């Protein structure tokens, strides 16, 4: 098992490669979820603007 040492603000952190991979996978999942919800919000907003324009015409 290998590990990675990181130094931030004078603190040394040791994390296993398996732990680092798990953390990166969780971060990718969180970013994907944020992207999904912002895409949904954009589509809903655009649909609302289109409907408003159609109803107001």
N, C-alpha and C. Protein backbone atom coordinates (compact mmCIF):
# COMPACT_ATOMS: atom_id res chain seq x y z
N UNK A 1 0.85 -1.17 0.00
CA UNK A 1 0.00 0.00 0.00
C UNK A 1 0.90 1.23 0.00
N UNK A 2 0.63 2.12 -0.90
CA UNK A 2 1.40 3.36 -0.94
C UNK A 2 0.56 4.51 -0.37
N UNK A 3 1.25 5.58 -0.04
CA UNK A 3 0.58 6.71 0.56
C UNK A 3 1.18 8.00 0.02
N UNK A 4 0.45 9.07 0.21
CA UNK A 4 0.88 10.38 -0.25
C UNK A 4 0.97 11.32 0.95
N UNK A 5 2.06 12.04 1.04
CA UNK A 5 2.23 13.07 2.06
C UNK A 5 1.95 14.42 1.42
N UNK A 6 1.17 15.23 2.08
CA UNK A 6 0.90 16.58 1.61
C UNK A 6 1.13 17.55 2.76
N UNK A 7 1.70 18.71 2.45
CA UNK A 7 1.95 19.72 3.47
C UNK A 7 1.14 20.96 3.11
N UNK A 8 0.26 21.38 4.03
CA UNK A 8 -0.57 22.56 3.87
C UNK A 8 -0.51 23.38 5.14
N UNK A 9 -0.14 24.63 5.03
CA UNK A 9 -0.09 25.54 6.17
C UNK A 9 0.69 24.97 7.34
N UNK A 10 1.78 24.28 7.06
CA UNK A 10 2.62 23.75 8.12
C UNK A 10 2.17 22.42 8.68
N UNK A 11 1.07 21.88 8.20
CA UNK A 11 0.57 20.59 8.66
C UNK A 11 0.88 19.53 7.61
N UNK A 12 1.37 18.40 8.04
CA UNK A 12 1.64 17.30 7.13
C UNK A 12 0.51 16.29 7.23
N UNK A 13 -0.03 15.91 6.08
CA UNK A 13 -1.14 14.97 6.03
C UNK A 13 -0.69 13.73 5.28
N UNK A 14 -1.02 12.58 5.82
CA UNK A 14 -0.73 11.31 5.17
C UNK A 14 -2.06 10.69 4.76
N UNK A 15 -2.20 10.36 3.49
CA UNK A 15 -3.43 9.72 3.03
C UNK A 15 -3.04 8.57 2.10
N UNK A 16 -3.71 7.45 2.28
CA UNK A 16 -3.41 6.30 1.43
C UNK A 16 -3.92 6.58 0.02
N UNK A 17 -3.35 5.89 -0.93
CA UNK A 17 -3.79 6.08 -2.31
C UNK A 17 -5.25 5.66 -2.49
N UNK A 18 -5.66 4.61 -1.77
CA UNK A 18 -7.06 4.18 -1.84
C UNK A 18 -7.97 5.26 -1.27
N UNK A 19 -7.55 5.88 -0.16
CA UNK A 19 -8.34 6.96 0.43
C UNK A 19 -8.41 8.17 -0.48
N UNK A 20 -7.28 8.49 -1.11
CA UNK A 20 -7.24 9.64 -2.04
C UNK A 20 -8.15 9.37 -3.24
N UNK A 21 -8.12 8.13 -3.76
CA UNK A 21 -8.98 7.78 -4.89
C UNK A 21 -10.46 7.87 -4.51
N UNK A 22 -10.80 7.43 -3.30
CA UNK A 22 -12.18 7.52 -2.82
C UNK A 22 -12.62 8.97 -2.69
N UNK A 23 -11.74 9.80 -2.15
CA UNK A 23 -12.04 11.22 -1.99
C UNK A 23 -12.25 11.89 -3.35
N UNK A 24 -11.39 11.58 -4.31
CA UNK A 24 -11.54 12.14 -5.65
C UNK A 24 -12.83 11.68 -6.31
N UNK A 25 -13.22 10.42 -6.10
CA UNK A 25 -14.47 9.92 -6.66
C UNK A 25 -15.67 10.65 -6.06
N UNK A 26 -15.62 10.91 -4.76
CA UNK A 26 -16.71 11.64 -4.11
C UNK A 26 -16.79 13.07 -4.64
N UNK A 27 -15.64 13.70 -4.88
CA UNK A 27 -15.63 15.05 -5.41
C UNK A 27 -16.17 15.09 -6.83
N UNK A 28 -15.81 14.08 -7.65
CA UNK A 28 -16.35 14.01 -9.02
C UNK A 28 -17.87 13.85 -8.98
N UNK A 29 -18.36 13.03 -8.06
CA UNK A 29 -19.81 12.82 -7.93
C UNK A 29 -20.50 14.12 -7.53
N UNK A 30 -19.91 14.84 -6.58
CA UNK A 30 -20.50 16.11 -6.13
C UNK A 30 -20.52 17.13 -7.27
N UNK A 31 -19.43 17.21 -8.05
CA UNK A 31 -19.40 18.15 -9.18
C UNK A 31 -20.42 17.77 -10.23
N UNK A 32 -20.59 16.47 -10.48
CA UNK A 32 -21.57 16.01 -11.46
C UNK A 32 -22.98 16.36 -11.01
N UNK A 33 -23.25 16.23 -9.72
CA UNK A 33 -24.57 16.56 -9.19
C UNK A 33 -24.84 18.06 -9.31
N UNK A 34 -23.84 18.88 -9.00
CA UNK A 34 -24.00 20.33 -9.14
C UNK A 34 -24.26 20.70 -10.59
N UNK A 35 -23.52 20.10 -11.51
CA UNK A 35 -23.72 20.36 -12.93
C UNK A 35 -25.12 19.95 -13.37
N UNK A 36 -25.60 18.80 -12.89
CA UNK A 36 -26.93 18.33 -13.25
C UNK A 36 -27.99 19.33 -12.79
N UNK A 37 -27.91 19.79 -11.54
CA UNK A 37 -28.94 20.68 -11.02
C UNK A 37 -28.88 22.07 -11.66
N UNK A 38 -27.70 22.55 -11.99
CA UNK A 38 -27.62 23.85 -12.66
C UNK A 38 -28.15 23.75 -14.09
N UNK A 39 -27.95 22.61 -14.73
CA UNK A 39 -28.51 22.40 -16.07
C UNK A 39 -30.04 22.36 -16.00
N UNK A 40 -30.58 21.67 -15.02
CA UNK A 40 -32.03 21.61 -14.85
C UNK A 40 -32.59 23.00 -14.59
N UNK A 41 -31.93 23.76 -13.73
CA UNK A 41 -32.40 25.12 -13.42
C UNK A 41 -32.36 26.00 -14.67
N UNK A 42 -31.34 25.85 -15.49
CA UNK A 42 -31.25 26.63 -16.72
C UNK A 42 -32.36 26.28 -17.69
N UNK A 43 -32.64 24.99 -17.83
CA UNK A 43 -33.71 24.55 -18.74
C UNK A 43 -35.06 25.06 -18.27
N UNK A 44 -35.31 24.98 -16.97
CA UNK A 44 -36.58 25.46 -16.43
C UNK A 44 -36.70 26.97 -16.63
N UNK A 45 -35.63 27.70 -16.42
CA UNK A 45 -35.65 29.15 -16.61
C UNK A 45 -35.93 29.50 -18.07
N UNK A 46 -35.24 28.84 -18.98
CA UNK A 46 -35.46 29.11 -20.41
C UNK A 46 -36.88 28.75 -20.81
N UNK A 47 -37.39 27.63 -20.33
CA UNK A 47 -38.77 27.25 -20.63
C UNK A 47 -39.76 28.27 -20.10
N UNK A 48 -39.51 28.78 -18.91
CA UNK A 48 -40.37 29.81 -18.34
C UNK A 48 -40.35 31.08 -19.17
N UNK A 49 -39.19 31.48 -19.63
CA UNK A 49 -39.08 32.69 -20.46
C UNK A 49 -39.78 32.49 -21.79
N UNK A 50 -39.65 31.32 -22.39
CA UNK A 50 -40.31 31.04 -23.66
C UNK A 50 -41.83 31.06 -23.47
N UNK A 51 -42.31 30.41 -22.42
CA UNK A 51 -43.76 30.41 -22.16
C UNK A 51 -44.28 31.81 -21.89
N UNK A 52 -43.51 32.59 -21.14
CA UNK A 52 -43.91 33.97 -20.86
C UNK A 52 -44.01 34.77 -22.16
N UNK A 53 -43.06 34.58 -23.06
CA UNK A 53 -43.06 35.29 -24.34
C UNK A 53 -44.24 34.84 -25.21
N UNK A 54 -44.54 33.52 -25.19
CA UNK A 54 -45.66 33.00 -25.99
C UNK A 54 -47.00 33.47 -25.46
N UNK A 55 -47.13 33.50 -24.14
CA UNK A 55 -48.40 33.90 -23.52
C UNK A 55 -48.61 35.41 -23.63
N UNK A 56 -47.51 36.16 -23.62
CA UNK A 56 -47.61 37.60 -23.66
C UNK A 56 -47.77 38.15 -25.07
N UNK A 57 -47.58 37.32 -26.07
CA UNK A 57 -47.63 37.81 -27.45
C UNK A 57 -49.01 37.96 -27.99
